[in-house]
Amino acid sequence: MKKLVQGMAIAGIALATQVSAQPAQIVDGAMAADVVTVKAKVNAVDLAKREVTLTGPLGRTVVLTVDERVKNLPQVKAGDELVIKYAEAVSLAVRKGGEAGREKVVTTTPTVTAPAGAKPGAAAARQERLTATIEQLDAKRQVALVQGPGGRYVEVKVKDPAVFKSLAVNDKVDVTFTEAVVIEVVAPAAKK
């Protein structure tokens, strides 16, 4: 199922780039979340080859090979819709006088799949928590430039002005990035 999730997520990203531009490099602090929903129409299903042909919202067509672990592929029919929801969130917590050094912890949840006999679907999430050091503050844009593990830099936009005012260069902060993908196949809507 992981291959399916990855393949469909890649297809979803390919289809999503037709709909909107890539997100900005700046991520929002204090639990900001963005959800992108992409819908694709199933044009054809080749069960023998385990291939599904999809067309995205702007007409781009892709053919996906579906992993053997997907047991519900026979329930997918031409005309169905593939709905991919991708969510990304970030939170920022300040640790005044926090420990020196930078650390990183990655947590991945197991993929959850649809029950046997249902339309295929899957959900997976990944969360990355890291301790970083504030290197610079931009009061005009309300952005903190932080350096985390491996010397990696990222700009974090802090939405709450009170939180931003409490920050100082060299503060240690805990940053949590969360991304999740939900994929489901739904029957076409009834025409009125």
N, C-alpha and C. Protein backbone atom coordinates (compact mmCIF):
# COMPACT_ATOMS: atom_id res chain seq x y z
N MET A 1 0.83 -1.19 0.00
CA MET A 1 0.00 0.00 0.00
C MET A 1 0.87 1.25 0.00
N LYS A 2 2.05 1.14 0.60
CA LYS A 2 2.94 2.31 0.66
C LYS A 2 3.28 2.78 -0.76
N LYS A 3 3.55 1.80 -1.67
CA LYS A 3 3.83 2.17 -3.05
C LYS A 3 2.64 2.88 -3.67
N LEU A 4 1.44 2.38 -3.38
CA LEU A 4 0.24 3.00 -3.92
C LEU A 4 0.12 4.42 -3.39
N VAL A 5 0.30 4.58 -2.08
CA VAL A 5 0.19 5.91 -1.48
C VAL A 5 1.22 6.83 -2.10
N GLN A 6 2.47 6.35 -2.22
CA GLN A 6 3.52 7.17 -2.80
C GLN A 6 3.20 7.48 -4.26
N GLY A 7 2.80 6.47 -5.01
CA GLY A 7 2.48 6.68 -6.42
C GLY A 7 1.33 7.64 -6.61
N MET A 8 0.28 7.44 -5.82
CA MET A 8 -0.87 8.33 -5.95
C MET A 8 -0.55 9.72 -5.41
N ALA A 9 0.26 9.79 -4.38
CA ALA A 9 0.66 11.10 -3.88
C ALA A 9 1.47 11.83 -4.93
N ILE A 10 2.36 11.12 -5.62
CA ILE A 10 3.13 11.74 -6.69
C ILE A 10 2.20 12.18 -7.81
N ALA A 11 1.26 11.31 -8.16
CA ALA A 11 0.29 11.69 -9.18
C ALA A 11 -0.53 12.88 -8.72
N GLY A 12 -0.90 12.87 -7.45
CA GLY A 12 -1.67 13.98 -6.89
C GLY A 12 -0.88 15.26 -6.95
N ILE A 13 0.40 15.18 -6.64
CA ILE A 13 1.24 16.37 -6.71
C ILE A 13 1.34 16.83 -8.16
N ALA A 14 1.52 15.88 -9.08
CA ALA A 14 1.59 16.25 -10.49
C ALA A 14 0.30 16.91 -10.94
N LEU A 15 -0.83 16.36 -10.49
CA LEU A 15 -2.12 16.95 -10.85
C LEU A 15 -2.32 18.28 -10.14
N ALA A 16 -1.87 18.37 -8.89
CA ALA A 16 -2.05 19.60 -8.11
C ALA A 16 -1.28 20.75 -8.70
N THR A 17 -0.12 20.47 -9.31
CA THR A 17 0.66 21.57 -9.87
C THR A 17 -0.07 22.21 -11.03
N GLN A 18 -1.04 21.52 -11.57
CA GLN A 18 -1.86 22.13 -12.61
C GLN A 18 -2.84 23.13 -12.01
N VAL A 19 -3.20 22.91 -10.74
CA VAL A 19 -4.23 23.71 -10.09
C VAL A 19 -3.64 24.93 -9.40
N SER A 20 -2.54 24.75 -8.69
CA SER A 20 -1.98 25.86 -7.93
C SER A 20 -0.47 25.80 -7.95
N ALA A 21 0.15 26.94 -7.68
CA ALA A 21 1.60 27.02 -7.62
C ALA A 21 2.10 26.31 -6.38
N GLN A 22 3.39 26.01 -6.35
CA GLN A 22 3.99 25.41 -5.18
C GLN A 22 3.83 26.33 -3.98
N PRO A 23 3.69 25.77 -2.77
CA PRO A 23 3.58 26.62 -1.59
C PRO A 23 4.87 27.39 -1.36
N ALA A 24 4.75 28.53 -0.68
CA ALA A 24 5.90 29.37 -0.39
C ALA A 24 6.87 28.65 0.51
N GLN A 25 8.11 29.12 0.54
CA GLN A 25 9.14 28.54 1.39
C GLN A 25 8.89 28.83 2.86
N ILE A 26 8.11 29.86 3.14
CA ILE A 26 7.84 30.23 4.53
C ILE A 26 6.71 29.38 5.05
N VAL A 27 6.89 28.82 6.25
CA VAL A 27 5.83 28.05 6.87
C VAL A 27 5.29 28.82 8.07
N ASP A 28 4.01 28.70 8.33
CA ASP A 28 3.38 29.45 9.40
C ASP A 28 3.51 28.75 10.73
N GLY A 29 3.76 29.52 11.79
CA GLY A 29 3.89 28.97 13.13
C GLY A 29 2.56 28.96 13.85
N ALA A 30 2.55 28.43 15.05
CA ALA A 30 1.38 28.36 15.93
C ALA A 30 0.26 27.53 15.30
N MET A 31 0.57 26.32 14.85
CA MET A 31 -0.37 25.33 14.29
C MET A 31 -1.16 25.83 13.09
N ALA A 32 -0.48 26.39 12.12
CA ALA A 32 -1.12 26.75 10.87
C ALA A 32 -1.17 25.50 10.01
N ALA A 33 -2.26 25.31 9.27
CA ALA A 33 -2.36 24.12 8.42
C ALA A 33 -2.99 24.50 7.09
N ASP A 34 -2.50 23.89 6.05
CA ASP A 34 -3.06 24.06 4.71
C ASP A 34 -3.43 22.70 4.19
N VAL A 35 -4.60 22.61 3.56
CA VAL A 35 -5.04 21.35 2.97
C VAL A 35 -5.29 21.58 1.49
N VAL A 36 -4.68 20.75 0.67
CA VAL A 36 -4.88 20.80 -0.77
C VAL A 36 -5.69 19.57 -1.15
N THR A 37 -6.78 19.77 -1.88
CA THR A 37 -7.60 18.66 -2.36
C THR A 37 -7.52 18.61 -3.87
N VAL A 38 -7.20 17.46 -4.40
CA VAL A 38 -7.12 17.27 -5.84
C VAL A 38 -8.04 16.12 -6.20
N LYS A 39 -8.84 16.33 -7.23
CA LYS A 39 -9.73 15.26 -7.70
C LYS A 39 -9.32 14.87 -9.11
N ALA A 40 -9.31 13.57 -9.35
CA ALA A 40 -8.99 13.05 -10.67
C ALA A 40 -10.07 12.06 -11.06
N LYS A 41 -10.38 12.01 -12.32
CA LYS A 41 -11.39 11.08 -12.82
C LYS A 41 -10.70 9.80 -13.29
N VAL A 42 -11.28 8.66 -12.91
CA VAL A 42 -10.77 7.38 -13.37
C VAL A 42 -11.32 7.16 -14.78
N ASN A 43 -10.40 7.05 -15.73
CA ASN A 43 -10.81 6.83 -17.13
C ASN A 43 -10.88 5.35 -17.47
N ALA A 44 -9.93 4.59 -16.92
CA ALA A 44 -9.88 3.17 -17.25
C ALA A 44 -9.15 2.41 -16.15
N VAL A 45 -9.52 1.14 -16.01
CA VAL A 45 -8.86 0.26 -15.05
C VAL A 45 -8.51 -1.03 -15.79
N ASP A 46 -7.22 -1.37 -15.80
CA ASP A 46 -6.75 -2.61 -16.41
C ASP A 46 -6.32 -3.52 -15.27
N LEU A 47 -7.22 -4.43 -14.86
CA LEU A 47 -6.96 -5.29 -13.71
C LEU A 47 -5.78 -6.24 -13.97
N ALA A 48 -5.65 -6.73 -15.20
CA ALA A 48 -4.56 -7.66 -15.51
C ALA A 48 -3.20 -6.99 -15.34
N LYS A 49 -3.08 -5.75 -15.78
CA LYS A 49 -1.81 -5.02 -15.64
C LYS A 49 -1.75 -4.22 -14.34
N ARG A 50 -2.88 -4.17 -13.62
CA ARG A 50 -3.00 -3.38 -12.39
C ARG A 50 -2.68 -1.91 -12.66
N GLU A 51 -3.25 -1.38 -13.72
CA GLU A 51 -3.05 0.02 -14.10
C GLU A 51 -4.37 0.77 -14.04
N VAL A 52 -4.26 2.00 -13.54
CA VAL A 52 -5.42 2.90 -13.49
C VAL A 52 -5.04 4.16 -14.25
N THR A 53 -5.90 4.56 -15.19
CA THR A 53 -5.67 5.79 -15.95
C THR A 53 -6.53 6.89 -15.36
N LEU A 54 -5.88 8.00 -14.98
CA LEU A 54 -6.56 9.12 -14.33
C LEU A 54 -6.40 10.39 -15.14
N THR A 55 -7.42 11.27 -15.07
CA THR A 55 -7.32 12.60 -15.66
C THR A 55 -7.57 13.62 -14.57
N GLY A 56 -6.63 14.57 -14.47
CA GLY A 56 -6.71 15.60 -13.45
C GLY A 56 -7.62 16.76 -13.86
N PRO A 57 -7.76 17.76 -12.98
CA PRO A 57 -8.70 18.86 -13.20
C PRO A 57 -8.41 19.71 -14.43
N LEU A 58 -7.16 19.74 -14.91
CA LEU A 58 -6.84 20.53 -16.09
C LEU A 58 -6.57 19.66 -17.31
N GLY A 59 -6.99 18.39 -17.23
CA GLY A 59 -6.91 17.53 -18.39
C GLY A 59 -5.67 16.68 -18.54
N ARG A 60 -4.72 16.77 -17.64
CA ARG A 60 -3.52 15.93 -17.74
C ARG A 60 -3.88 14.50 -17.36
N THR A 61 -3.43 13.55 -18.17
CA THR A 61 -3.71 12.13 -17.93
C THR A 61 -2.44 11.42 -17.47
N VAL A 62 -2.59 10.58 -16.44
CA VAL A 62 -1.48 9.77 -15.95
C VAL A 62 -1.97 8.33 -15.81
N VAL A 63 -1.03 7.39 -15.98
CA VAL A 63 -1.32 5.98 -15.78
C VAL A 63 -0.50 5.52 -14.57
N LEU A 64 -1.19 4.99 -13.57
CA LEU A 64 -0.54 4.51 -12.35
C LEU A 64 -0.59 3.00 -12.30
N THR A 65 0.53 2.40 -11.89
CA THR A 65 0.56 0.97 -11.62
C THR A 65 0.27 0.80 -10.13
N VAL A 66 -0.73 0.02 -9.82
CA VAL A 66 -1.20 -0.14 -8.44
C VAL A 66 -0.55 -1.38 -7.83
N ASP A 67 -0.01 -1.21 -6.66
CA ASP A 67 0.69 -2.27 -5.94
C ASP A 67 -0.25 -3.45 -5.66
N GLU A 68 0.33 -4.66 -5.62
CA GLU A 68 -0.42 -5.89 -5.36
C GLU A 68 -1.13 -5.89 -4.00
N ARG A 69 -0.60 -5.12 -3.06
CA ARG A 69 -1.19 -5.10 -1.72
C ARG A 69 -2.55 -4.41 -1.69
N VAL A 70 -2.90 -3.71 -2.75
CA VAL A 70 -4.23 -3.09 -2.83
C VAL A 70 -5.21 -4.17 -3.24
N LYS A 71 -6.01 -4.63 -2.27
CA LYS A 71 -6.92 -5.76 -2.51
C LYS A 71 -8.24 -5.33 -3.15
N ASN A 72 -8.56 -4.05 -3.09
CA ASN A 72 -9.88 -3.59 -3.54
C ASN A 72 -9.87 -2.98 -4.94
N LEU A 73 -8.83 -3.18 -5.70
CA LEU A 73 -8.76 -2.61 -7.04
C LEU A 73 -9.96 -3.00 -7.93
N PRO A 74 -10.49 -4.23 -7.84
CA PRO A 74 -11.63 -4.57 -8.70
C PRO A 74 -12.88 -3.69 -8.46
N GLN A 75 -12.94 -2.99 -7.33
CA GLN A 75 -14.09 -2.13 -7.06
C GLN A 75 -13.99 -0.78 -7.78
N VAL A 76 -12.82 -0.47 -8.33
CA VAL A 76 -12.63 0.81 -9.03
C VAL A 76 -13.14 0.67 -10.45
N LYS A 77 -13.97 1.62 -10.86
CA LYS A 77 -14.57 1.60 -12.19
C LYS A 77 -14.31 2.91 -12.92
N ALA A 78 -14.33 2.86 -14.24
CA ALA A 78 -14.23 4.09 -15.03
C ALA A 78 -15.38 5.01 -14.61
N GLY A 79 -15.06 6.28 -14.46
CA GLY A 79 -16.07 7.25 -14.02
C GLY A 79 -15.95 7.58 -12.54
N ASP A 80 -15.31 6.69 -11.75
CA ASP A 80 -15.08 7.00 -10.34
C ASP A 80 -14.16 8.20 -10.21
N GLU A 81 -14.16 8.79 -9.03
CA GLU A 81 -13.26 9.90 -8.75
C GLU A 81 -12.23 9.47 -7.73
N LEU A 82 -10.98 9.86 -7.96
CA LEU A 82 -9.92 9.67 -6.99
C LEU A 82 -9.76 11.03 -6.30
N VAL A 83 -9.89 11.04 -4.98
CA VAL A 83 -9.76 12.28 -4.22
C VAL A 83 -8.51 12.16 -3.36
N ILE A 84 -7.59 13.08 -3.56
CA ILE A 84 -6.36 13.11 -2.78
C ILE A 84 -6.37 14.38 -1.95
N LYS A 85 -6.23 14.23 -0.64
CA LYS A 85 -6.15 15.38 0.26
C LYS A 85 -4.77 15.35 0.91
N TYR A 86 -4.06 16.45 0.77
CA TYR A 86 -2.73 16.55 1.35
C TYR A 86 -2.74 17.70 2.34
N ALA A 87 -2.36 17.44 3.56
CA ALA A 87 -2.33 18.47 4.60
C ALA A 87 -0.92 18.65 5.11
N GLU A 88 -0.58 19.89 5.36
CA GLU A 88 0.73 20.21 5.92
C GLU A 88 0.52 21.24 7.01
N ALA A 89 1.10 21.02 8.17
CA ALA A 89 0.94 21.94 9.29
C ALA A 89 2.28 22.11 9.99
N VAL A 90 2.43 23.23 10.67
CA VAL A 90 3.64 23.47 11.45
C VAL A 90 3.26 24.16 12.74
N SER A 91 3.91 23.77 13.83
CA SER A 91 3.72 24.47 15.09
C SER A 91 5.09 24.83 15.65
N LEU A 92 5.11 25.87 16.46
CA LEU A 92 6.36 26.39 17.01
C LEU A 92 6.19 26.60 18.50
N ALA A 93 7.09 26.05 19.30
CA ALA A 93 7.06 26.25 20.74
C ALA A 93 8.44 26.73 21.17
N VAL A 94 8.48 27.80 21.95
CA VAL A 94 9.75 28.37 22.39
C VAL A 94 10.18 27.70 23.68
N ARG A 95 11.47 27.35 23.76
CA ARG A 95 12.05 26.81 24.99
C ARG A 95 13.13 27.78 25.43
N LYS A 96 12.77 28.75 26.24
CA LYS A 96 13.75 29.70 26.74
C LYS A 96 14.81 28.94 27.51
N GLY A 97 16.07 29.23 27.22
CA GLY A 97 17.14 28.53 27.91
C GLY A 97 17.18 27.06 27.58
N GLY A 98 16.65 26.70 26.41
CA GLY A 98 16.61 25.29 26.01
C GLY A 98 18.00 24.70 25.90
N GLU A 99 18.05 23.40 25.84
CA GLU A 99 19.32 22.70 25.76
C GLU A 99 20.06 23.08 24.49
N ALA A 100 21.37 23.10 24.60
CA ALA A 100 22.18 23.38 23.42
C ALA A 100 22.06 22.21 22.46
N GLY A 101 22.39 22.47 21.22
CA GLY A 101 22.36 21.40 20.23
C GLY A 101 21.04 21.35 19.50
N ARG A 102 21.05 20.57 18.45
CA ARG A 102 19.86 20.44 17.62
C ARG A 102 19.55 18.96 17.50
N GLU A 103 18.28 18.65 17.56
CA GLU A 103 17.89 17.25 17.48
C GLU A 103 16.71 17.12 16.54
N LYS A 104 16.46 15.90 16.11
CA LYS A 104 15.37 15.66 15.17
C LYS A 104 14.76 14.30 15.46
N VAL A 105 13.42 14.25 15.48
CA VAL A 105 12.70 13.00 15.68
C VAL A 105 11.64 12.91 14.59
N VAL A 106 11.61 11.82 13.88
CA VAL A 106 10.61 11.62 12.82
C VAL A 106 9.69 10.48 13.24
N THR A 107 8.39 10.72 13.15
CA THR A 107 7.39 9.71 13.48
C THR A 107 6.51 9.50 12.25
N THR A 108 6.36 8.26 11.86
CA THR A 108 5.50 7.94 10.72
C THR A 108 4.40 7.00 11.21
N THR A 109 3.16 7.34 10.91
CA THR A 109 2.07 6.46 11.32
C THR A 109 1.91 5.36 10.28
N PRO A 110 1.45 4.19 10.71
CA PRO A 110 1.21 3.13 9.73
C PRO A 110 0.11 3.56 8.76
N THR A 111 0.22 3.07 7.54
CA THR A 111 -0.80 3.37 6.54
C THR A 111 -2.09 2.65 6.92
N VAL A 112 -3.19 3.38 6.85
CA VAL A 112 -4.51 2.81 7.12
C VAL A 112 -5.19 2.63 5.77
N THR A 113 -5.78 1.45 5.54
CA THR A 113 -6.42 1.19 4.26
C THR A 113 -7.90 0.88 4.44
N ALA A 114 -8.61 0.93 3.33
CA ALA A 114 -10.04 0.64 3.34
C ALA A 114 -10.28 -0.84 3.63
N PRO A 115 -11.43 -1.16 4.23
CA PRO A 115 -11.73 -2.57 4.50
C PRO A 115 -11.97 -3.34 3.20
N ALA A 116 -11.79 -4.65 3.25
CA ALA A 116 -12.00 -5.50 2.08
C ALA A 116 -13.40 -5.30 1.51
N GLY A 117 -13.47 -5.22 0.20
CA GLY A 117 -14.75 -5.07 -0.48
C GLY A 117 -15.17 -3.64 -0.70
N ALA A 118 -14.54 -2.69 -0.05
CA ALA A 118 -14.88 -1.27 -0.21
C ALA A 118 -14.06 -0.67 -1.34
N LYS A 119 -14.40 0.56 -1.72
CA LYS A 119 -13.58 1.27 -2.69
C LYS A 119 -12.21 1.48 -2.04
N PRO A 120 -11.13 1.41 -2.84
CA PRO A 120 -9.80 1.59 -2.25
C PRO A 120 -9.65 2.97 -1.60
N GLY A 121 -8.88 2.99 -0.55
CA GLY A 121 -8.57 4.23 0.14
C GLY A 121 -7.40 3.99 1.06
N ALA A 122 -6.69 5.05 1.37
CA ALA A 122 -5.55 4.94 2.27
C ALA A 122 -5.30 6.27 2.94
N ALA A 123 -4.68 6.22 4.10
CA ALA A 123 -4.28 7.43 4.81
C ALA A 123 -2.95 7.16 5.48
N ALA A 124 -2.07 8.14 5.44
CA ALA A 124 -0.77 8.01 6.10
C ALA A 124 -0.34 9.40 6.56
N ALA A 125 0.46 9.43 7.62
CA ALA A 125 0.93 10.71 8.14
C ALA A 125 2.40 10.58 8.54
N ARG A 126 3.06 11.72 8.52
CA ARG A 126 4.46 11.78 8.94
C ARG A 126 4.63 13.06 9.73
N GLN A 127 5.30 12.96 10.85
CA GLN A 127 5.53 14.14 11.68
C GLN A 127 7.02 14.23 11.99
N GLU A 128 7.54 15.41 11.84
CA GLU A 128 8.95 15.65 12.11
C GLU A 128 9.05 16.72 13.18
N ARG A 129 9.66 16.36 14.31
CA ARG A 129 9.86 17.32 15.40
C ARG A 129 11.35 17.60 15.49
N LEU A 130 11.69 18.86 15.55
CA LEU A 130 13.09 19.18 15.68
C LEU A 130 13.28 20.37 16.60
N THR A 131 14.44 20.40 17.20
CA THR A 131 14.83 21.54 18.02
C THR A 131 15.77 22.36 17.16
N ALA A 132 15.51 23.65 17.12
CA ALA A 132 16.29 24.54 16.28
C ALA A 132 16.66 25.79 17.07
N THR A 133 17.56 26.56 16.51
CA THR A 133 18.00 27.81 17.12
C THR A 133 17.57 28.96 16.23
N ILE A 134 17.00 30.01 16.83
CA ILE A 134 16.62 31.19 16.05
C ILE A 134 17.90 31.94 15.69
N GLU A 135 18.10 32.11 14.39
CA GLU A 135 19.29 32.80 13.88
C GLU A 135 19.00 34.27 13.59
N GLN A 136 17.81 34.56 13.07
CA GLN A 136 17.44 35.94 12.72
C GLN A 136 15.94 36.11 12.92
N LEU A 137 15.53 37.36 13.18
CA LEU A 137 14.12 37.70 13.28
C LEU A 137 13.82 38.86 12.34
N ASP A 138 12.75 38.76 11.60
CA ASP A 138 12.32 39.83 10.69
C ASP A 138 10.96 40.32 11.19
N ALA A 139 10.99 41.43 11.96
CA ALA A 139 9.76 41.95 12.58
C ALA A 139 8.75 42.41 11.54
N LYS A 140 9.22 42.97 10.44
CA LYS A 140 8.30 43.48 9.41
C LYS A 140 7.45 42.34 8.81
N ARG A 141 8.11 41.21 8.54
CA ARG A 141 7.39 40.06 7.96
C ARG A 141 6.93 39.10 9.04
N GLN A 142 7.33 39.28 10.28
CA GLN A 142 7.02 38.41 11.41
C GLN A 142 7.48 36.99 11.12
N VAL A 143 8.75 36.90 10.72
CA VAL A 143 9.36 35.63 10.32
C VAL A 143 10.61 35.39 11.15
N ALA A 144 10.78 34.15 11.61
CA ALA A 144 11.99 33.73 12.31
C ALA A 144 12.76 32.78 11.39
N LEU A 145 14.05 33.06 11.20
CA LEU A 145 14.91 32.14 10.47
C LEU A 145 15.53 31.22 11.51
N VAL A 146 15.27 29.90 11.39
CA VAL A 146 15.79 28.95 12.37
C VAL A 146 16.74 27.99 11.69
N GLN A 147 17.75 27.54 12.47
CA GLN A 147 18.67 26.53 11.98
C GLN A 147 18.46 25.27 12.80
N GLY A 148 18.22 24.18 12.10
CA GLY A 148 17.97 22.91 12.76
C GLY A 148 19.09 21.93 12.54
N PRO A 149 18.80 20.64 12.71
CA PRO A 149 19.81 19.59 12.55
C PRO A 149 20.43 19.61 11.16
N GLY A 150 21.70 19.29 11.11
CA GLY A 150 22.40 19.22 9.82
C GLY A 150 22.61 20.58 9.19
N GLY A 151 22.45 21.66 9.96
CA GLY A 151 22.65 22.99 9.42
C GLY A 151 21.54 23.46 8.50
N ARG A 152 20.42 22.77 8.50
CA ARG A 152 19.28 23.11 7.64
C ARG A 152 18.58 24.36 8.17
N TYR A 153 18.30 25.30 7.29
CA TYR A 153 17.61 26.54 7.65
C TYR A 153 16.19 26.52 7.11
N VAL A 154 15.28 27.12 7.84
CA VAL A 154 13.91 27.29 7.35
C VAL A 154 13.35 28.56 7.97
N GLU A 155 12.55 29.28 7.20
CA GLU A 155 11.87 30.45 7.71
C GLU A 155 10.51 30.02 8.23
N VAL A 156 10.17 30.47 9.42
CA VAL A 156 8.89 30.14 10.03
C VAL A 156 8.14 31.44 10.28
N LYS A 157 6.98 31.58 9.65
CA LYS A 157 6.15 32.76 9.87
C LYS A 157 5.32 32.51 11.12
N VAL A 158 5.40 33.43 12.06
CA VAL A 158 4.70 33.30 13.33
C VAL A 158 3.45 34.18 13.26
N LYS A 159 2.29 33.56 13.26
CA LYS A 159 1.03 34.30 13.07
C LYS A 159 0.66 35.16 14.27
N ASP A 160 0.91 34.67 15.46
CA ASP A 160 0.51 35.39 16.68
C ASP A 160 1.57 36.44 17.03
N PRO A 161 1.21 37.74 16.96
CA PRO A 161 2.18 38.81 17.26
C PRO A 161 2.77 38.70 18.67
N ALA A 162 1.99 38.26 19.63
CA ALA A 162 2.48 38.14 21.00
C ALA A 162 3.57 37.07 21.09
N VAL A 163 3.39 35.96 20.37
CA VAL A 163 4.41 34.91 20.35
C VAL A 163 5.67 35.44 19.67
N PHE A 164 5.49 36.14 18.55
CA PHE A 164 6.65 36.67 17.83
C PHE A 164 7.46 37.61 18.72
N LYS A 165 6.77 38.48 19.46
CA LYS A 165 7.46 39.44 20.33
C LYS A 165 8.23 38.76 21.44
N SER A 166 7.85 37.53 21.80
CA SER A 166 8.54 36.81 22.87
C SER A 166 9.83 36.12 22.38
N LEU A 167 10.06 36.12 21.06
CA LEU A 167 11.22 35.43 20.50
C LEU A 167 12.46 36.31 20.53
N ALA A 168 13.62 35.67 20.63
CA ALA A 168 14.90 36.37 20.58
C ALA A 168 15.90 35.50 19.83
N VAL A 169 16.87 36.16 19.20
CA VAL A 169 17.95 35.43 18.53
C VAL A 169 18.64 34.55 19.57
N ASN A 170 18.99 33.34 19.16
CA ASN A 170 19.62 32.30 19.97
C ASN A 170 18.65 31.53 20.85
N ASP A 171 17.35 31.87 20.86
CA ASP A 171 16.36 31.04 21.56
C ASP A 171 16.32 29.68 20.90
N LYS A 172 16.09 28.67 21.71
CA LYS A 172 15.85 27.32 21.20
C LYS A 172 14.35 27.18 21.02
N VAL A 173 13.93 26.61 19.91
CA VAL A 173 12.51 26.42 19.64
C VAL A 173 12.28 24.98 19.21
N ASP A 174 11.11 24.47 19.56
CA ASP A 174 10.69 23.16 19.08
C ASP A 174 9.74 23.41 17.92
N VAL A 175 10.07 22.86 16.77
CA VAL A 175 9.25 23.03 15.58
C VAL A 175 8.70 21.66 15.20
N THR A 176 7.39 21.59 14.97
CA THR A 176 6.77 20.33 14.56
C THR A 176 6.14 20.52 13.18
N PHE A 177 6.63 19.76 12.21
CA PHE A 177 6.07 19.75 10.86
C PHE A 177 5.24 18.47 10.73
N THR A 178 4.01 18.59 10.28
CA THR A 178 3.16 17.43 10.10
C THR A 178 2.65 17.42 8.67
N GLU A 179 2.73 16.28 8.01
CA GLU A 179 2.13 16.14 6.68
C GLU A 179 1.33 14.85 6.66
N ALA A 180 0.21 14.91 5.98
CA ALA A 180 -0.67 13.74 5.90
C ALA A 180 -1.27 13.68 4.51
N VAL A 181 -1.52 12.46 4.06
CA VAL A 181 -2.19 12.28 2.78
C VAL A 181 -3.34 11.30 2.99
N VAL A 182 -4.49 11.64 2.43
CA VAL A 182 -5.66 10.78 2.46
C VAL A 182 -6.08 10.58 1.01
N ILE A 183 -6.22 9.33 0.63
CA ILE A 183 -6.60 9.00 -0.74
C ILE A 183 -7.84 8.13 -0.69
N GLU A 184 -8.85 8.51 -1.47
CA GLU A 184 -10.05 7.69 -1.52
C GLU A 184 -10.61 7.69 -2.93
N VAL A 185 -11.23 6.59 -3.28
CA VAL A 185 -11.93 6.48 -4.56
C VAL A 185 -13.41 6.53 -4.22
N VAL A 186 -14.12 7.44 -4.90
CA VAL A 186 -15.55 7.59 -4.64
C VAL A 186 -16.32 7.39 -5.92
N ALA A 187 -17.53 6.87 -5.79
CA ALA A 187 -18.39 6.68 -6.95
C ALA A 187 -18.77 8.04 -7.52
N PRO A 188 -19.01 8.11 -8.81
CA PRO A 188 -19.37 9.40 -9.40
C PRO A 188 -20.67 9.92 -8.80
N ALA A 189 -20.77 11.25 -8.69
CA ALA A 189 -21.98 11.86 -8.16
C ALA A 189 -23.14 11.60 -9.11
N ALA A 190 -24.30 11.38 -8.54
CA ALA A 190 -25.51 11.15 -9.36
C ALA A 190 -25.86 12.42 -10.12
N LYS A 191 -26.16 12.29 -11.38
CA LYS A 191 -26.52 13.45 -12.20
C LYS A 191 -27.97 13.81 -11.96
N LYS A 192 -28.21 15.10 -11.86
CA LYS A 192 -29.58 15.58 -11.59
C LYS A 192 -30.31 15.91 -12.85
